[in-house]
Amino acid sequence: MKKIIIAKENAGSRLDKFLVREFFSLGMTRGEIIRNINDGKILVNDDEKKPSYVLKDGDSVEVDIEKKENKIFPNTKIKIDIIFEDENV
């Protein structure tokens, strides 16, 4: 669980938009952030809030989420037609 105390420069920001900026490096989308807020995994001052909640100076935001790894698997069902082939390819 990560706890963030809102500083004066972040006061006035919407909760969802602030968290998108905060977790940008994890690659979390705004939709994922909003889902986690609605699921109660993100609390402000120990209370559930809406994604549109406007943060205040000194608010305590508790985040209890983990970013799932995106795994990419090749699609083996795709048929590829070879249109050109020579001894160099």
C-alpha atoms as a PDB file:
ATOM      1  CA  MET A   1       0.000   0.000   0.000  1.00  0.00           C
ATOM      2  CA  LYS A   2       1.288   3.421  -0.938  1.00  0.00           C
ATOM      3  CA  LYS A   3       0.320   6.524   1.035  1.00  0.00           C
ATOM      4  CA  ILE A   4       0.547   9.965  -0.558  1.00  0.00           C
ATOM      5  CA  ILE A   5       0.080  13.267   1.273  1.00  0.00           C
ATOM      6  CA  ILE A   6      -1.201  15.931  -1.117  1.00  0.00           C
ATOM      7  CA  ALA A   7       1.075  18.963  -1.340  1.00  0.00           C
ATOM      8  CA  LYS A   8      -0.117  22.503  -1.991  1.00  0.00           C
ATOM      9  CA  GLU A   9       0.877  22.371  -5.689  1.00  0.00           C
ATOM     10  CA  ASN A  10      -1.393  19.335  -6.281  1.00  0.00           C
ATOM     11  CA  ALA A  11      -4.381  20.703  -4.365  1.00  0.00           C
ATOM     12  CA  GLY A  12      -7.265  21.458  -6.703  1.00  0.00           C
ATOM     13  CA  SER A  13      -6.531  18.488  -8.983  1.00  0.00           C
ATOM     14  CA  ARG A  14      -9.093  15.779  -9.602  1.00  0.00           C
ATOM     15  CA  LEU A  15      -8.250  12.499  -7.859  1.00  0.00           C
ATOM     16  CA  ASP A  16      -8.217  10.424 -11.061  1.00  0.00           C
ATOM     17  CA  LYS A  17      -6.100  12.894 -13.042  1.00  0.00           C
ATOM     18  CA  PHE A  18      -3.606  13.297 -10.185  1.00  0.00           C
ATOM     19  CA  LEU A  19      -3.168   9.523  -9.908  1.00  0.00           C
ATOM     20  CA  VAL A  20      -2.689   9.139 -13.671  1.00  0.00           C
ATOM     21  CA  ARG A  21       0.235  11.585 -13.428  1.00  0.00           C
ATOM     22  CA  GLU A  22       1.537   9.885 -10.283  1.00  0.00           C
ATOM     23  CA  PHE A  23       1.454   6.372 -11.770  1.00  0.00           C
ATOM     24  CA  PHE A  24       2.389   7.303 -15.357  1.00  0.00           C
ATOM     25  CA  SER A  25       5.648   5.345 -15.096  1.00  0.00           C
ATOM     26  CA  LEU A  26       3.677   2.160 -14.331  1.00  0.00           C
ATOM     27  CA  GLY A  27       1.707   2.588 -17.526  1.00  0.00           C
ATOM     28  CA  MET A  28      -1.666   2.676 -15.794  1.00  0.00           C
ATOM     29  CA  THR A  29      -4.483   4.135 -17.847  1.00  0.00           C
ATOM     30  CA  ARG A  30      -7.047   6.553 -16.505  1.00  0.00           C
ATOM     31  CA  GLY A  31      -9.685   3.844 -16.938  1.00  0.00           C
ATOM     32  CA  GLU A  32      -7.711   1.471 -14.717  1.00  0.00           C
ATOM     33  CA  ILE A  33      -7.296   4.195 -12.104  1.00  0.00           C
ATOM     34  CA  ILE A  34     -11.045   4.965 -12.176  1.00  0.00           C
ATOM     35  CA  ARG A  35     -11.905   1.258 -11.812  1.00  0.00           C
ATOM     36  CA  ASN A  36      -9.629   0.995  -8.778  1.00  0.00           C
ATOM     37  CA  ILE A  37     -11.179   4.119  -7.220  1.00  0.00           C
ATOM     38  CA  ASN A  38     -14.690   2.713  -7.755  1.00  0.00           C
ATOM     39  CA  ASP A  39     -13.603  -0.685  -6.346  1.00  0.00           C
ATOM     40  CA  GLY A  40     -12.461   0.972  -3.099  1.00  0.00           C
ATOM     41  CA  LYS A  41      -8.765   0.267  -3.650  1.00  0.00           C
ATOM     42  CA  ILE A  42      -7.954   3.984  -3.496  1.00  0.00           C
ATOM     43  CA  LEU A  43      -9.047   5.931  -0.420  1.00  0.00           C
ATOM     44  CA  VAL A  44      -8.830   9.616   0.473  1.00  0.00           C
ATOM     45  CA  ASN A  45      -8.614  10.334   4.212  1.00  0.00           C
ATOM     46  CA  ASP A  46      -9.736   6.710   4.839  1.00  0.00           C
ATOM     47  CA  ASP A  47     -12.959   7.245   2.832  1.00  0.00           C
ATOM     48  CA  GLU A  48     -14.038   6.120  -0.620  1.00  0.00           C
ATOM     49  CA  LYS A  49     -14.344   9.069  -3.010  1.00  0.00           C
ATOM     50  CA  LYS A  50     -15.495   9.550  -6.584  1.00  0.00           C
ATOM     51  CA  PRO A  51     -12.877   9.888  -9.338  1.00  0.00           C
ATOM     52  CA  SER A  52     -13.966  13.528  -9.717  1.00  0.00           C
ATOM     53  CA  TYR A  53     -13.118  14.361  -6.075  1.00  0.00           C
ATOM     54  CA  VAL A  54     -11.044  17.559  -5.915  1.00  0.00           C
ATOM     55  CA  LEU A  55      -7.963  17.072  -3.756  1.00  0.00           C
ATOM     56  CA  LYS A  56      -7.164  19.452  -0.905  1.00  0.00           C
ATOM     57  CA  ASP A  57      -3.826  20.386   0.639  1.00  0.00           C
ATOM     58  CA  GLY A  58      -2.933  17.759   3.254  1.00  0.00           C
ATOM     59  CA  ASP A  59      -5.321  15.050   1.995  1.00  0.00           C
ATOM     60  CA  SER A  60      -4.046  11.519   2.557  1.00  0.00           C
ATOM     61  CA  VAL A  61      -4.432   9.229  -0.461  1.00  0.00           C
ATOM     62  CA  GLU A  62      -3.973   5.503   0.158  1.00  0.00           C
ATOM     63  CA  VAL A  63      -3.406   3.348  -2.906  1.00  0.00           C
ATOM     64  CA  ASP A  64      -3.654  -0.441  -2.665  1.00  0.00           C
ATOM     65  CA  ILE A  65      -3.210  -1.569  -6.256  1.00  0.00           C
ATOM     66  CA  GLU A  66      -0.690  -3.572  -8.211  1.00  0.00           C
ATOM     67  CA  LYS A  67      -0.035  -3.141 -11.896  1.00  0.00           C
ATOM     68  CA  LYS A  68      -0.551  -6.400 -13.726  1.00  0.00           C
ATOM     69  CA  GLU A  69       2.086  -7.365 -16.251  1.00  0.00           C
ATOM     70  CA  ASN A  70       0.884  -7.236 -19.815  1.00  0.00           C
ATOM     71  CA  LYS A  71       1.991 -10.382 -21.548  1.00  0.00           C
ATOM     72  CA  ILE A  72       1.941 -10.538 -25.304  1.00  0.00           C
ATOM     73  CA  PHE A  73       1.508 -13.915 -26.915  1.00  0.00           C
ATOM     74  CA  PRO A  74       1.850 -14.572 -30.636  1.00  0.00           C
ATOM     75  CA  ASN A  75      -1.335 -15.533 -32.450  1.00  0.00           C
ATOM     76  CA  THR A  76      -0.620 -18.916 -33.987  1.00  0.00           C
ATOM     77  CA  LYS A  77      -3.926 -18.994 -35.897  1.00  0.00           C
ATOM     78  CA  ILE A  78      -2.940 -16.279 -38.363  1.00  0.00           C
ATOM     79  CA  LYS A  79      -2.199 -17.649 -41.841  1.00  0.00           C
ATOM     80  CA  ILE A  80       0.434 -15.676 -43.725  1.00  0.00           C
ATOM     81  CA  ASP A  81       0.623 -15.916 -47.502  1.00  0.00           C
ATOM     82  CA  ILE A  82       4.150 -15.640 -48.886  1.00  0.00           C
ATOM     83  CA  ILE A  83       4.035 -13.336 -51.895  1.00  0.00           C
ATOM     84  CA  PHE A  84       7.760 -13.227 -52.664  1.00  0.00           C
ATOM     85  CA  GLU A  85      10.620 -15.496 -51.743  1.00  0.00           C
ATOM     86  CA  ASP A  86      14.138 -15.953 -53.127  1.00  0.00           C
ATOM     87  CA  GLU A  87      17.403 -17.463 -51.893  1.00  0.00           C
ATOM     88  CA  ASN A  88      18.300 -14.273 -49.945  1.00  0.00           C
ATOM     89  CA  VAL A  89      15.134 -14.124 -47.865  1.00  0.00           C
END
